[in-house]
All heavy atoms as atom14 arrays in JSON, in Angstrom:
{
  "sequence": "DEAKRFAEALTSEYGNKKQVDVRIVRLGDVYGPRMMLSSGNYIARLIK",
  "atom14_mask": [
    [1, 1, 1, 1, 1, 1, 1, 1, 0, 0, 0, 0, 0, 0],
    [1, 1, 1, 1, 1, 1, 1, 1, 1, 0, 0, 0, 0, 0],
    [1, 1, 1, 1, 1, 0, 0, 0, 0, 0, 0, 0, 0, 0],
    [1, 1, 1, 1, 1, 1, 1, 1, 1, 0, 0, 0, 0, 0],
    [1, 1, 1, 1, 1, 1, 1, 1, 1, 1, 1, 0, 0, 0],
    [1, 1, 1, 1, 1, 1, 1, 1, 1, 1, 1, 0, 0, 0],
    [1, 1, 1, 1, 1, 0, 0, 0, 0, 0, 0, 0, 0, 0],
    [1, 1, 1, 1, 1, 1, 1, 1, 1, 0, 0, 0, 0, 0],
    [1, 1, 1, 1, 1, 0, 0, 0, 0, 0, 0, 0, 0, 0],
    [1, 1, 1, 1, 1, 1, 1, 1, 0, 0, 0, 0, 0, 0],
    [1, 1, 1, 1, 1, 1, 1, 0, 0, 0, 0, 0, 0, 0],
    [1, 1, 1, 1, 1, 1, 0, 0, 0, 0, 0, 0, 0, 0],
    [1, 1, 1, 1, 1, 1, 1, 1, 1, 0, 0, 0, 0, 0],
    [1, 1, 1, 1, 1, 1, 1, 1, 1, 1, 1, 1, 0, 0],
    [1, 1, 1, 1, 0, 0, 0, 0, 0, 0, 0, 0, 0, 0],
    [1, 1, 1, 1, 1, 1, 1, 1, 0, 0, 0, 0, 0, 0],
    [1, 1, 1, 1, 1, 1, 1, 1, 1, 0, 0, 0, 0, 0],
    [1, 1, 1, 1, 1, 1, 1, 1, 1, 0, 0, 0, 0, 0],
    [1, 1, 1, 1, 1, 1, 1, 1, 1, 0, 0, 0, 0, 0],
    [1, 1, 1, 1, 1, 1, 1, 0, 0, 0, 0, 0, 0, 0],
    [1, 1, 1, 1, 1, 1, 1, 1, 0, 0, 0, 0, 0, 0],
    [1, 1, 1, 1, 1, 1, 1, 0, 0, 0, 0, 0, 0, 0],
    [1, 1, 1, 1, 1, 1, 1, 1, 1, 1, 1, 0, 0, 0],
    [1, 1, 1, 1, 1, 1, 1, 1, 0, 0, 0, 0, 0, 0],
    [1, 1, 1, 1, 1, 1, 1, 0, 0, 0, 0, 0, 0, 0],
    [1, 1, 1, 1, 1, 1, 1, 1, 1, 1, 1, 0, 0, 0],
    [1, 1, 1, 1, 1, 1, 1, 1, 0, 0, 0, 0, 0, 0],
    [1, 1, 1, 1, 0, 0, 0, 0, 0, 0, 0, 0, 0, 0],
    [1, 1, 1, 1, 1, 1, 1, 1, 0, 0, 0, 0, 0, 0],
    [1, 1, 1, 1, 1, 1, 1, 0, 0, 0, 0, 0, 0, 0],
    [1, 1, 1, 1, 1, 1, 1, 1, 1, 1, 1, 1, 0, 0],
    [1, 1, 1, 1, 0, 0, 0, 0, 0, 0, 0, 0, 0, 0],
    [1, 1, 1, 1, 1, 1, 1, 0, 0, 0, 0, 0, 0, 0],
    [1, 1, 1, 1, 1, 1, 1, 1, 1, 1, 1, 0, 0, 0],
    [1, 1, 1, 1, 1, 1, 1, 1, 0, 0, 0, 0, 0, 0],
    [1, 1, 1, 1, 1, 1, 1, 1, 0, 0, 0, 0, 0, 0],
    [1, 1, 1, 1, 1, 1, 1, 1, 0, 0, 0, 0, 0, 0],
    [1, 1, 1, 1, 1, 1, 0, 0, 0, 0, 0, 0, 0, 0],
    [1, 1, 1, 1, 1, 1, 0, 0, 0, 0, 0, 0, 0, 0],
    [1, 1, 1, 1, 0, 0, 0, 0, 0, 0, 0, 0, 0, 0],
    [1, 1, 1, 1, 1, 1, 1, 1, 0, 0, 0, 0, 0, 0],
    [1, 1, 1, 1, 1, 1, 1, 1, 1, 1, 1, 1, 0, 0],
    [1, 1, 1, 1, 1, 1, 1, 1, 0, 0, 0, 0, 0, 0],
    [1, 1, 1, 1, 1, 0, 0, 0, 0, 0, 0, 0, 0, 0],
    [1, 1, 1, 1, 1, 1, 1, 1, 1, 1, 1, 0, 0, 0],
    [1, 1, 1, 1, 1, 1, 1, 1, 0, 0, 0, 0, 0, 0],
    [1, 1, 1, 1, 1, 1, 1, 1, 0, 0, 0, 0, 0, 0],
    [1, 1, 1, 1, 1, 1, 1, 1, 1, 0, 0, 0, 0, 0]
  ],
  "atom14_positions": [
    [[18.93, 100.89, 16.09], [18.08, 100.24, 17.08], [17.4, 101.24, 18.0], [16.21, 101.15, 18.32], [18.92, 99.26, 17.89], [19.4, 98.07, 17.03], [18.78, 97.82, 15.99], [20.34, 97.41, 17.49], [0.0, 0.0, 0.0], [0.0, 0.0, 0.0], [0.0, 0.0, 0.0], [0.0, 0.0, 0.0], [0.0, 0.0, 0.0], [0.0, 0.0, 0.0]],
    [[18.17, 102.27, 18.43], [17.6, 103.26, 19.3], [16.55, 104.1, 18.63], [15.54, 104.49, 19.24], [18.76, 104.17, 19.86], [19.62, 103.47, 20.85], [18.85, 102.89, 22.05], [17.96, 103.58, 22.58], [19.16, 101.77, 22.47], [0.0, 0.0, 0.0], [0.0, 0.0, 0.0], [0.0, 0.0, 0.0], [0.0, 0.0, 0.0], [0.0, 0.0, 0.0]],
    [[16.77, 104.34, 17.37], [15.75, 105.12, 16.55], [14.44, 104.34, 16.49], [13.39, 104.89, 16.6], [16.27, 105.41, 15.15], [0.0, 0.0, 0.0], [0.0, 0.0, 0.0], [0.0, 0.0, 0.0], [0.0, 0.0, 0.0], [0.0, 0.0, 0.0], [0.0, 0.0, 0.0], [0.0, 0.0, 0.0], [0.0, 0.0, 0.0], [0.0, 0.0, 0.0]],
    [[14.5, 103.04, 16.32], [13.32, 102.24, 16.29], [12.66, 102.25, 17.69], [11.41, 102.29, 17.69], [13.64, 100.78, 15.89], [14.06, 100.59, 14.41], [13.97, 99.19, 13.93], [14.89, 98.29, 14.74], [14.84, 96.87, 14.27], [0.0, 0.0, 0.0], [0.0, 0.0, 0.0], [0.0, 0.0, 0.0], [0.0, 0.0, 0.0], [0.0, 0.0, 0.0]],
    [[13.38, 102.1, 18.72], [12.79, 102.19, 20.08], [12.13, 103.47, 20.31], [11.02, 103.51, 20.91], [13.89, 101.94, 21.13], [14.44, 100.51, 21.12], [15.39, 100.3, 22.36], [15.93, 98.96, 22.32], [17.17, 98.72, 21.85], [17.93, 99.7, 21.37], [17.69, 97.49, 21.86], [0.0, 0.0, 0.0], [0.0, 0.0, 0.0], [0.0, 0.0, 0.0]],
    [[12.72, 104.55, 19.88], [12.09, 105.9, 20.01], [10.81, 105.94, 19.24], [9.82, 106.5, 19.75], [13.05, 106.96, 19.58], [12.48, 108.35, 19.57], [12.22, 109.02, 20.77], [12.04, 108.92, 18.38], [11.7, 110.26, 20.75], [11.49, 110.2, 18.37], [11.31, 110.87, 19.55], [0.0, 0.0, 0.0], [0.0, 0.0, 0.0], [0.0, 0.0, 0.0]],
    [[10.83, 105.45, 18.02], [9.61, 105.5, 17.16], [8.48, 104.71, 17.79], [7.36, 105.13, 17.84], [9.95, 104.98, 15.76], [0.0, 0.0, 0.0], [0.0, 0.0, 0.0], [0.0, 0.0, 0.0], [0.0, 0.0, 0.0], [0.0, 0.0, 0.0], [0.0, 0.0, 0.0], [0.0, 0.0, 0.0], [0.0, 0.0, 0.0], [0.0, 0.0, 0.0]],
    [[8.8, 103.5, 18.42], [7.81, 102.68, 19.07], [7.27, 103.4, 20.27], [6.05, 103.41, 20.51], [8.42, 101.35, 19.46], [8.68, 100.5, 18.3], [9.25, 99.08, 18.78], [9.41, 98.87, 19.98], [9.5, 98.23, 17.89], [0.0, 0.0, 0.0], [0.0, 0.0, 0.0], [0.0, 0.0, 0.0], [0.0, 0.0, 0.0], [0.0, 0.0, 0.0]],
    [[8.18, 104.02, 21.1], [7.69, 104.7, 22.29], [6.8, 105.91, 21.93], [5.74, 106.15, 22.59], [8.93, 105.2, 23.1], [0.0, 0.0, 0.0], [0.0, 0.0, 0.0], [0.0, 0.0, 0.0], [0.0, 0.0, 0.0], [0.0, 0.0, 0.0], [0.0, 0.0, 0.0], [0.0, 0.0, 0.0], [0.0, 0.0, 0.0], [0.0, 0.0, 0.0]],
    [[7.19, 106.63, 20.89], [6.41, 107.79, 20.48], [5.04, 107.32, 20.0], [4.0, 108.0, 20.27], [7.18, 108.51, 19.35], [6.67, 109.87, 18.91], [6.78, 110.85, 20.08], [7.4, 110.35, 17.68], [0.0, 0.0, 0.0], [0.0, 0.0, 0.0], [0.0, 0.0, 0.0], [0.0, 0.0, 0.0], [0.0, 0.0, 0.0], [0.0, 0.0, 0.0]],
    [[4.98, 106.3, 19.16], [3.7, 105.77, 18.66], [2.79, 105.26, 19.78], [1.59, 105.62, 19.8], [3.99, 104.6, 17.69], [4.77, 105.02, 16.64], [2.69, 104.05, 17.16], [0.0, 0.0, 0.0], [0.0, 0.0, 0.0], [0.0, 0.0, 0.0], [0.0, 0.0, 0.0], [0.0, 0.0, 0.0], [0.0, 0.0, 0.0], [0.0, 0.0, 0.0]],
    [[3.39, 104.57, 20.77], [2.59, 104.1, 21.87], [1.99, 105.25, 22.73], [0.85, 105.21, 23.12], [3.44, 103.13, 22.71], [2.71, 102.66, 23.83], [0.0, 0.0, 0.0], [0.0, 0.0, 0.0], [0.0, 0.0, 0.0], [0.0, 0.0, 0.0], [0.0, 0.0, 0.0], [0.0, 0.0, 0.0], [0.0, 0.0, 0.0], [0.0, 0.0, 0.0]],
    [[2.89, 106.18, 23.02], [2.45, 107.35, 23.88], [1.38, 108.15, 23.12], [0.4, 108.51, 23.76], [3.62, 108.22, 24.18], [3.38, 109.36, 25.12], [3.13, 108.87, 26.54], [3.37, 107.66, 26.83], [2.66, 109.68, 27.37], [0.0, 0.0, 0.0], [0.0, 0.0, 0.0], [0.0, 0.0, 0.0], [0.0, 0.0, 0.0], [0.0, 0.0, 0.0]],
    [[1.54, 108.39, 21.86], [0.58, 109.17, 21.12], [-0.75, 108.4, 21.07], [-1.83, 108.97, 21.25], [1.07, 109.4, 19.68], [0.15, 110.27, 18.88], [0.22, 111.67, 18.96], [-0.83, 109.74, 18.05], [-0.59, 112.48, 18.21], [-1.64, 110.52, 17.28], [-1.54, 111.89, 17.36], [-2.42, 112.7, 16.62], [0.0, 0.0, 0.0], [0.0, 0.0, 0.0]],
    [[-0.66, 107.07, 20.83], [-1.91, 106.28, 20.78], [-2.63, 106.27, 22.07], [-3.94, 106.37, 22.11], [0.0, 0.0, 0.0], [0.0, 0.0, 0.0], [0.0, 0.0, 0.0], [0.0, 0.0, 0.0], [0.0, 0.0, 0.0], [0.0, 0.0, 0.0], [0.0, 0.0, 0.0], [0.0, 0.0, 0.0], [0.0, 0.0, 0.0], [0.0, 0.0, 0.0]],
    [[-1.92, 106.21, 23.21], [-2.58, 106.23, 24.52], [-3.19, 107.55, 24.84], [-4.36, 107.66, 25.34], [-1.58, 105.87, 25.59], [-1.22, 104.36, 25.56], [-2.03, 103.53, 25.16], [0.0, 104.04, 25.9], [0.0, 0.0, 0.0], [0.0, 0.0, 0.0], [0.0, 0.0, 0.0], [0.0, 0.0, 0.0], [0.0, 0.0, 0.0], [0.0, 0.0, 0.0]],
    [[-2.45, 108.66, 24.58], [-2.96, 109.98, 24.97], [-4.05, 110.47, 24.05], [-4.99, 111.11, 24.51], [-1.76, 110.96, 24.96], [-0.81, 110.81, 26.15], [0.11, 112.0, 26.25], [0.95, 111.91, 27.53], [1.83, 113.06, 27.74], [0.0, 0.0, 0.0], [0.0, 0.0, 0.0], [0.0, 0.0, 0.0], [0.0, 0.0, 0.0], [0.0, 0.0, 0.0]],
    [[-3.97, 110.16, 22.83], [-4.95, 110.64, 21.79], [-6.05, 109.62, 21.51], [-6.92, 109.9, 20.73], [-4.25, 111.07, 20.53], [-3.25, 112.15, 20.68], [-3.84, 113.46, 21.17], [-2.79, 114.58, 21.21], [-3.35, 115.88, 21.59], [0.0, 0.0, 0.0], [0.0, 0.0, 0.0], [0.0, 0.0, 0.0], [0.0, 0.0, 0.0], [0.0, 0.0, 0.0]],
    [[-5.93, 108.46, 22.18], [-6.95, 107.38, 21.95], [-7.01, 107.02, 20.41], [-8.08, 106.87, 19.88], [-8.3, 107.82, 22.47], [-8.38, 107.97, 23.93], [-8.08, 106.69, 24.71], [-8.66, 105.68, 24.53], [-7.01, 106.78, 25.55], [0.0, 0.0, 0.0], [0.0, 0.0, 0.0], [0.0, 0.0, 0.0], [0.0, 0.0, 0.0], [0.0, 0.0, 0.0]],
    [[-5.8, 106.92, 19.86], [-5.73, 106.52, 18.45], [-5.52, 105.02, 18.37], [-4.76, 104.43, 19.2], [-4.55, 107.25, 17.8], [-4.39, 106.79, 16.32], [-4.79, 108.78, 17.8], [0.0, 0.0, 0.0], [0.0, 0.0, 0.0], [0.0, 0.0, 0.0], [0.0, 0.0, 0.0], [0.0, 0.0, 0.0], [0.0, 0.0, 0.0], [0.0, 0.0, 0.0]],
    [[-6.14, 104.37, 17.46], [-6.06, 102.89, 17.27], [-4.77, 102.55, 16.58], [-4.69, 102.62, 15.33], [-7.26, 102.45, 16.49], [-7.42, 100.92, 16.55], [-6.69, 100.31, 17.26], [-8.32, 100.39, 15.88], [0.0, 0.0, 0.0], [0.0, 0.0, 0.0], [0.0, 0.0, 0.0], [0.0, 0.0, 0.0], [0.0, 0.0, 0.0], [0.0, 0.0, 0.0]],
    [[-3.72, 102.24, 17.28], [-2.42, 101.95, 16.67], [-1.94, 100.59, 17.05], [-2.4, 99.93, 18.01], [-1.37, 102.97, 17.09], [-1.79, 104.4, 16.73], [-1.03, 102.92, 18.58], [0.0, 0.0, 0.0], [0.0, 0.0, 0.0], [0.0, 0.0, 0.0], [0.0, 0.0, 0.0], [0.0, 0.0, 0.0], [0.0, 0.0, 0.0], [0.0, 0.0, 0.0]],
    [[-1.02, 100.07, 16.29], [-0.3, 98.83, 16.56], [1.15, 99.05, 16.19], [1.53, 99.79, 15.31], [-0.83, 97.57, 15.78], [-2.22, 97.17, 16.15], [-3.17, 97.32, 15.01], [-4.45, 96.75, 15.31], [-5.47, 97.44, 15.73], [-5.29, 98.77, 15.93], [-6.65, 96.94, 15.97], [0.0, 0.0, 0.0], [0.0, 0.0, 0.0], [0.0, 0.0, 0.0]],
    [[2.03, 98.32, 16.9], [3.45, 98.36, 16.56], [3.84, 96.93, 16.1], [3.72, 95.97, 16.8], [4.31, 98.72, 17.77], [3.98, 100.12, 18.24], [5.79, 98.58, 17.47], [4.63, 100.51, 19.52], [0.0, 0.0, 0.0], [0.0, 0.0, 0.0], [0.0, 0.0, 0.0], [0.0, 0.0, 0.0], [0.0, 0.0, 0.0], [0.0, 0.0, 0.0]],
    [[4.24, 96.87, 14.76], [4.57, 95.61, 14.19], [6.1, 95.54, 13.93], [6.62, 96.41, 13.24], [3.85, 95.37, 12.9], [4.28, 94.09, 12.23], [2.3, 95.36, 13.1], [0.0, 0.0, 0.0], [0.0, 0.0, 0.0], [0.0, 0.0, 0.0], [0.0, 0.0, 0.0], [0.0, 0.0, 0.0], [0.0, 0.0, 0.0], [0.0, 0.0, 0.0]],
    [[6.72, 94.58, 14.53], [8.2, 94.42, 14.37], [8.38, 93.31, 13.33], [7.86, 92.22, 13.42], [8.83, 94.02, 15.67], [8.79, 95.13, 16.76], [9.31, 94.58, 18.08], [9.34, 95.62, 19.08], [9.57, 95.4, 20.39], [9.76, 94.1, 20.79], [9.59, 96.34, 21.22], [0.0, 0.0, 0.0], [0.0, 0.0, 0.0], [0.0, 0.0, 0.0]],
    [[9.29, 93.62, 12.36], [9.54, 92.67, 11.27], [10.95, 92.08, 11.43], [11.91, 92.77, 11.81], [9.38, 93.4, 9.89], [8.03, 94.05, 9.64], [8.11, 94.69, 8.27], [6.94, 93.05, 9.7], [0.0, 0.0, 0.0], [0.0, 0.0, 0.0], [0.0, 0.0, 0.0], [0.0, 0.0, 0.0], [0.0, 0.0, 0.0], [0.0, 0.0, 0.0]],
    [[11.04, 90.85, 11.02], [12.33, 90.21, 10.93], [13.02, 90.56, 9.62], [12.77, 91.63, 9.04], [0.0, 0.0, 0.0], [0.0, 0.0, 0.0], [0.0, 0.0, 0.0], [0.0, 0.0, 0.0], [0.0, 0.0, 0.0], [0.0, 0.0, 0.0], [0.0, 0.0, 0.0], [0.0, 0.0, 0.0], [0.0, 0.0, 0.0], [0.0, 0.0, 0.0]],
    [[13.79, 89.7, 9.08], [14.53, 89.9, 7.83], [13.59, 89.43, 6.65], [13.59, 88.25, 6.33], [15.84, 89.16, 7.81], [16.81, 89.63, 8.86], [17.4, 90.71, 8.68], [16.93, 88.94, 9.86], [0.0, 0.0, 0.0], [0.0, 0.0, 0.0], [0.0, 0.0, 0.0], [0.0, 0.0, 0.0], [0.0, 0.0, 0.0], [0.0, 0.0, 0.0]],
    [[12.82, 90.41, 6.18], [11.81, 90.12, 5.18], [12.48, 89.87, 3.82], [13.34, 90.67, 3.42], [10.79, 91.26, 5.07], [9.7, 90.87, 4.11], [10.2, 91.53, 6.45], [0.0, 0.0, 0.0], [0.0, 0.0, 0.0], [0.0, 0.0, 0.0], [0.0, 0.0, 0.0], [0.0, 0.0, 0.0], [0.0, 0.0, 0.0], [0.0, 0.0, 0.0]],
    [[12.0, 88.86, 3.08], [12.51, 88.57, 1.76], [11.39, 88.03, 0.92], [10.31, 87.56, 1.37], [13.71, 87.62, 1.82], [13.21, 86.19, 2.15], [12.97, 85.26, 1.21], [13.07, 85.82, 3.49], [12.57, 83.94, 1.49], [12.62, 84.52, 3.86], [12.4, 83.61, 2.85], [11.99, 82.34, 3.16], [0.0, 0.0, 0.0], [0.0, 0.0, 0.0]],
    [[11.59, 88.03, -0.43], [10.61, 87.47, -1.35], [10.74, 88.11, -2.72], [11.57, 88.97, -2.96], [0.0, 0.0, 0.0], [0.0, 0.0, 0.0], [0.0, 0.0, 0.0], [0.0, 0.0, 0.0], [0.0, 0.0, 0.0], [0.0, 0.0, 0.0], [0.0, 0.0, 0.0], [0.0, 0.0, 0.0], [0.0, 0.0, 0.0], [0.0, 0.0, 0.0]],
    [[9.93, 87.68, -3.68], [9.93, 88.27, -5.02], [9.72, 89.72, -5.0], [8.99, 90.28, -4.15], [8.7, 87.5, -5.7], [8.58, 86.25, -4.91], [8.9, 86.56, -3.5], [0.0, 0.0, 0.0], [0.0, 0.0, 0.0], [0.0, 0.0, 0.0], [0.0, 0.0, 0.0], [0.0, 0.0, 0.0], [0.0, 0.0, 0.0], [0.0, 0.0, 0.0]],
    [[10.4, 90.39, -5.89], [10.36, 91.83, -6.05], [11.06, 92.66, -4.93], [10.92, 93.86, -4.87], [8.97, 92.31, -6.34], [8.36, 91.95, -7.68], [7.03, 92.66, -7.87], [6.44, 92.28, -9.1], [6.58, 92.94, -10.28], [7.3, 94.01, -10.35], [5.98, 92.52, -11.39], [0.0, 0.0, 0.0], [0.0, 0.0, 0.0], [0.0, 0.0, 0.0]],
    [[11.69, 91.99, -3.99], [12.43, 92.75, -3.0], [13.48, 93.59, -3.7], [14.02, 93.17, -4.73], [13.01, 91.87, -1.92], [14.14, 90.91, -2.44], [14.64, 89.66, -1.28], [15.31, 90.65, 0.04], [0.0, 0.0, 0.0], [0.0, 0.0, 0.0], [0.0, 0.0, 0.0], [0.0, 0.0, 0.0], [0.0, 0.0, 0.0], [0.0, 0.0, 0.0]],
    [[13.87, 94.71, -3.1], [14.84, 95.56, -3.69], [16.24, 94.97, -3.35], [16.64, 95.03, -2.15], [14.71, 97.01, -3.24], [13.5, 97.66, -3.75], [13.41, 99.42, -3.23], [14.81, 100.08, -4.15], [0.0, 0.0, 0.0], [0.0, 0.0, 0.0], [0.0, 0.0, 0.0], [0.0, 0.0, 0.0], [0.0, 0.0, 0.0], [0.0, 0.0, 0.0]],
    [[16.95, 94.48, -4.28], [18.21, 93.81, -4.04], [19.28, 94.84, -3.67], [20.41, 94.45, -3.22], [18.63, 93.0, -5.25], [17.75, 91.85, -5.64], [18.32, 91.06, -6.78], [17.41, 90.99, -4.47], [0.0, 0.0, 0.0], [0.0, 0.0, 0.0], [0.0, 0.0, 0.0], [0.0, 0.0, 0.0], [0.0, 0.0, 0.0], [0.0, 0.0, 0.0]],
    [[19.02, 96.1, -3.87], [19.99, 97.14, -3.5], [19.7, 97.72, -2.15], [20.28, 98.73, -1.71], [19.96, 98.26, -4.55], [18.61, 98.87, -4.61], [0.0, 0.0, 0.0], [0.0, 0.0, 0.0], [0.0, 0.0, 0.0], [0.0, 0.0, 0.0], [0.0, 0.0, 0.0], [0.0, 0.0, 0.0], [0.0, 0.0, 0.0], [0.0, 0.0, 0.0]],
    [[18.75, 97.12, -1.39], [18.3, 97.68, -0.1], [19.34, 97.54, 1.0], [19.23, 98.26, 2.02], [17.0, 96.99, 0.31], [17.26, 95.67, 0.64], [0.0, 0.0, 0.0], [0.0, 0.0, 0.0], [0.0, 0.0, 0.0], [0.0, 0.0, 0.0], [0.0, 0.0, 0.0], [0.0, 0.0, 0.0], [0.0, 0.0, 0.0], [0.0, 0.0, 0.0]],
    [[20.33, 96.66, 0.89], [21.27, 96.43, 1.95], [20.85, 95.3, 2.84], [21.6, 94.92, 3.74], [0.0, 0.0, 0.0], [0.0, 0.0, 0.0], [0.0, 0.0, 0.0], [0.0, 0.0, 0.0], [0.0, 0.0, 0.0], [0.0, 0.0, 0.0], [0.0, 0.0, 0.0], [0.0, 0.0, 0.0], [0.0, 0.0, 0.0], [0.0, 0.0, 0.0]],
    [[19.64, 94.77, 2.65], [19.17, 93.6, 3.37], [20.15, 92.48, 3.18], [20.6, 92.21, 2.1], [17.78, 93.23, 2.88], [17.13, 91.99, 3.55], [17.76, 90.93, 3.42], [16.05, 92.19, 4.2], [0.0, 0.0, 0.0], [0.0, 0.0, 0.0], [0.0, 0.0, 0.0], [0.0, 0.0, 0.0], [0.0, 0.0, 0.0], [0.0, 0.0, 0.0]],
    [[20.51, 91.77, 4.29], [21.51, 90.71, 4.14], [21.1, 89.61, 3.19], [21.99, 89.06, 2.41], [21.79, 90.05, 5.54], [22.32, 91.16, 6.54], [21.51, 91.65, 7.52], [23.62, 91.6, 6.41], [22.01, 92.59, 8.44], [24.1, 92.54, 7.28], [23.26, 93.06, 8.29], [23.77, 94.03, 9.16], [0.0, 0.0, 0.0], [0.0, 0.0, 0.0]],
    [[19.85, 89.2, 3.22], [19.37, 88.2, 2.31], [19.37, 88.73, 0.87], [19.71, 88.01, -0.08], [17.95, 87.7, 2.69], [18.03, 87.1, 4.09], [17.49, 86.69, 1.71], [16.66, 86.62, 4.67], [0.0, 0.0, 0.0], [0.0, 0.0, 0.0], [0.0, 0.0, 0.0], [0.0, 0.0, 0.0], [0.0, 0.0, 0.0], [0.0, 0.0, 0.0]],
    [[19.03, 89.98, 0.69], [19.04, 90.6, -0.64], [20.44, 90.59, -1.22], [20.67, 90.33, -2.4], [18.53, 92.06, -0.56], [0.0, 0.0, 0.0], [0.0, 0.0, 0.0], [0.0, 0.0, 0.0], [0.0, 0.0, 0.0], [0.0, 0.0, 0.0], [0.0, 0.0, 0.0], [0.0, 0.0, 0.0], [0.0, 0.0, 0.0], [0.0, 0.0, 0.0]],
    [[21.44, 90.85, -0.43], [22.83, 90.83, -0.92], [23.18, 89.41, -1.43], [23.77, 89.3, -2.49], [23.8, 91.18, 0.24], [23.72, 92.63, 0.7], [24.7, 92.8, 1.82], [24.58, 94.12, 2.47], [25.29, 94.54, 3.48], [26.27, 93.74, 3.96], [25.14, 95.74, 4.05], [0.0, 0.0, 0.0], [0.0, 0.0, 0.0], [0.0, 0.0, 0.0]],
    [[22.82, 88.4, -0.63], [23.15, 87.07, -1.05], [22.43, 86.64, -2.27], [22.99, 85.94, -3.18], [22.83, 86.1, 0.08], [23.68, 86.22, 1.34], [23.12, 85.34, 2.49], [25.12, 85.8, 1.03], [0.0, 0.0, 0.0], [0.0, 0.0, 0.0], [0.0, 0.0, 0.0], [0.0, 0.0, 0.0], [0.0, 0.0, 0.0], [0.0, 0.0, 0.0]],
    [[21.16, 86.95, -2.4], [20.33, 86.64, -3.57], [20.88, 87.34, -4.82], [21.0, 86.74, -5.92], [18.89, 87.0, -3.36], [18.27, 86.0, -2.34], [18.1, 86.9, -4.62], [16.87, 86.3, -1.93], [0.0, 0.0, 0.0], [0.0, 0.0, 0.0], [0.0, 0.0, 0.0], [0.0, 0.0, 0.0], [0.0, 0.0, 0.0], [0.0, 0.0, 0.0]],
    [[21.25, 88.62, -4.64], [21.84, 89.33, -5.79], [23.07, 88.7, -6.25], [23.33, 88.55, -7.47], [22.04, 90.8, -5.37], [22.53, 91.68, -6.58], [22.63, 93.12, -6.11], [22.99, 94.0, -7.33], [23.07, 95.48, -6.93], [0.0, 0.0, 0.0], [0.0, 0.0, 0.0], [0.0, 0.0, 0.0], [0.0, 0.0, 0.0], [0.0, 0.0, 0.0]]
  ]
}
């Protein structure tokens, strides 16, 4: 969780200082066809 927060803060700061067009997209528990069932995703474990 802290690593994600750091990545978001770094992206936002870089975007502001360098005037880069960035967005931060947070994802929930993504699932669907062709998902990697060995990924460790909780839903992937159940589907597998």
